[in-house]
Amino acid sequence: MKKSAAVTLTLVSAMGLAAGSQSGSDPCAGNSFNEQACRTALQDGGYCSTGRWIRSAYSYPYPYYYDQYQHLLLLGGAVTPAPSDTDCQRPRSVIFASGHAARGGFGATGAAHCGTAGA
C-alpha cells in the first residue's frame, strides 16, 4: 500500500513540475506561484508576462492553485514567484447598455456575441 502511494505522489509531482515548466511565469502555477498576481489572473482571465498579455483559462477557484503551491512546497519543490507584471495591454471588451460584453467580430457577428443581433 505504501508503494502505490509513493508512486502516485511521484507521478503527481512530475506532472506538476512539467505543467509548471510549460506555463513560464504563470502566477497560479505551483513553481511560480504569486498570491496577488494569481488572484488577479483568475479575475482577468490571464496575466502579464514580460510585457505581453497571456490569456489563460483557469478551471478552478483560487484555493485549488494555492493548495497546489503548498503541496509543491511540502514535497520540497523550489518556487520562484512570478513577478506582478502589470506593464502590458490587456484586451478590452465593449459593454453594451444591455450589460453584455462584445469580444470581437463585426456587424451581425459582433452583435451576436451579446445577443443583440437584429435588434
Protein backbone atom coordinates (compact mmCIF):
# COMPACT_ATOMS: atom_id res chain seq x y z
CA MET A 1 0.00 0.00 0.00
CA LYS A 2 2.83 2.44 0.78
CA LYS A 3 4.49 1.70 -2.55
CA SER A 4 1.41 2.71 -4.59
CA ALA A 5 1.05 5.93 -2.58
CA ALA A 6 4.71 6.77 -3.24
CA VAL A 7 4.29 6.06 -6.96
CA THR A 8 1.16 8.24 -7.06
CA LEU A 9 2.94 11.12 -5.31
CA THR A 10 5.89 10.81 -7.66
CA LEU A 11 3.64 10.89 -10.72
CA VAL A 12 1.62 13.83 -9.42
CA SER A 13 4.82 15.73 -8.62
CA ALA A 14 6.29 15.02 -12.05
CA MET A 15 3.12 16.16 -13.80
CA GLY A 16 3.01 19.32 -11.69
CA LEU A 17 6.61 20.19 -12.47
CA ALA A 18 6.10 19.50 -16.17
CA ALA A 19 2.99 21.68 -16.24
CA GLY A 20 4.82 24.43 -14.37
CA SER A 21 7.70 24.43 -16.80
CA GLN A 22 5.30 24.88 -19.73
CA SER A 23 3.45 27.76 -18.13
CA GLY A 24 6.51 30.03 -17.86
CA SER A 25 5.67 32.70 -15.34
CA ASP A 26 2.01 31.81 -14.74
CA PRO A 27 1.36 33.26 -11.29
CA CYS A 28 -1.00 30.38 -10.46
CA ALA A 29 1.47 27.60 -11.33
CA GLY A 30 2.96 25.86 -8.31
CA ASN A 31 6.59 26.63 -9.16
CA SER A 32 5.93 30.33 -9.87
CA PHE A 33 3.00 30.97 -7.52
CA ASN A 34 2.35 34.61 -6.60
CA GLU A 35 -0.74 35.08 -4.42
CA GLN A 36 -1.82 38.56 -5.53
CA ALA A 37 -0.92 38.05 -9.18
CA CYS A 38 -2.78 34.70 -9.20
CA ARG A 39 -5.93 36.29 -7.78
CA THR A 40 -5.72 38.99 -10.44
CA ALA A 41 -5.11 36.42 -13.21
CA LEU A 42 -8.16 34.44 -12.15
CA GLN A 43 -10.29 37.58 -12.17
CA ASP A 44 -8.95 38.88 -15.50
CA GLY A 45 -8.64 35.55 -17.35
CA GLY A 46 -4.92 35.95 -17.90
CA TYR A 47 -1.75 37.69 -16.77
CA CYS A 48 1.07 39.91 -17.95
CA SER A 49 4.43 38.28 -18.59
CA THR A 50 7.42 40.23 -19.89
CA GLY A 51 5.15 42.96 -21.22
CA ARG A 52 2.80 40.60 -23.07
CA TRP A 53 -0.78 39.64 -22.18
CA ILE A 54 -1.12 35.88 -21.78
CA ARG A 55 -4.72 34.75 -21.91
CA SER A 56 -5.31 31.80 -19.64
CA ALA A 57 -8.45 29.86 -18.81
CA TYR A 58 -8.39 28.74 -15.21
CA SER A 59 -10.65 25.81 -14.41
CA TYR A 60 -10.66 26.07 -10.64
CA PRO A 61 -11.14 28.71 -7.94
CA TYR A 62 -8.19 30.29 -6.14
CA PRO A 63 -7.93 27.77 -3.26
CA TYR A 64 -7.07 25.00 -5.72
CA TYR A 65 -3.98 26.82 -7.01
CA TYR A 66 -2.90 27.79 -3.50
CA ASP A 67 -3.20 24.14 -2.41
CA GLN A 68 -1.10 23.03 -5.40
CA TYR A 69 1.57 25.53 -4.39
CA GLN A 70 1.51 24.32 -0.77
CA HIS A 71 1.75 20.71 -1.95
CA LEU A 72 4.81 21.56 -4.05
CA LEU A 73 6.45 23.19 -1.02
CA LEU A 74 5.63 20.15 1.11
CA LEU A 75 7.41 17.93 -1.42
CA GLY A 76 10.47 20.19 -1.27
CA GLY A 77 9.90 21.85 -4.64
CA ALA A 78 11.50 25.16 -5.50
CA VAL A 79 9.32 28.20 -6.06
CA THR A 80 10.34 31.36 -7.88
CA PRO A 81 7.34 33.69 -7.61
CA ALA A 82 6.13 35.20 -10.86
CA PRO A 83 6.55 38.96 -10.94
CA SER A 84 3.44 41.09 -10.51
CA ASP A 85 3.84 42.42 -14.04
CA THR A 86 1.20 44.98 -14.96
CA ASP A 87 3.06 46.58 -17.86
CA CYS A 88 1.10 45.21 -20.80
CA GLN A 89 -2.00 45.90 -22.83
CA ARG A 90 -4.93 43.85 -21.65
CA PRO A 91 -7.68 43.11 -24.16
CA ARG A 92 -10.67 45.36 -23.73
CA SER A 93 -14.28 44.49 -24.31
CA VAL A 94 -17.17 46.78 -25.11
CA ILE A 95 -20.03 46.79 -22.60
CA PHE A 96 -23.45 47.48 -24.13
CA ALA A 97 -26.42 49.02 -22.32
CA SER A 98 -27.84 45.50 -22.00
CA GLY A 99 -24.84 44.62 -19.82
CA HIS A 100 -23.40 42.17 -22.35
CA ALA A 101 -19.80 42.38 -23.50
CA ALA A 102 -18.79 42.13 -27.14
CA ARG A 103 -15.47 40.38 -27.57
CA GLY A 104 -14.89 40.72 -31.30
CA GLY A 105 -16.40 40.47 -34.73
CA PHE A 106 -18.07 42.98 -36.99
CA GLY A 107 -21.69 43.73 -37.82
CA ALA A 108 -24.06 40.86 -37.06
CA THR A 109 -21.18 38.66 -35.89
CA GLY A 110 -20.18 41.17 -33.21
CA ALA A 111 -23.79 41.81 -32.25
CA ALA A 112 -24.43 38.08 -31.93
CA HIS A 113 -21.79 37.91 -29.19
CA CYS A 114 -24.01 39.90 -26.90
CA GLY A 115 -27.35 38.59 -28.06
CA THR A 116 -28.44 41.76 -29.88
CA ALA A 117 -28.32 40.51 -33.47
CA GLY A 118 -31.06 42.10 -35.48
CA ALA A 119 -32.03 44.43 -32.64
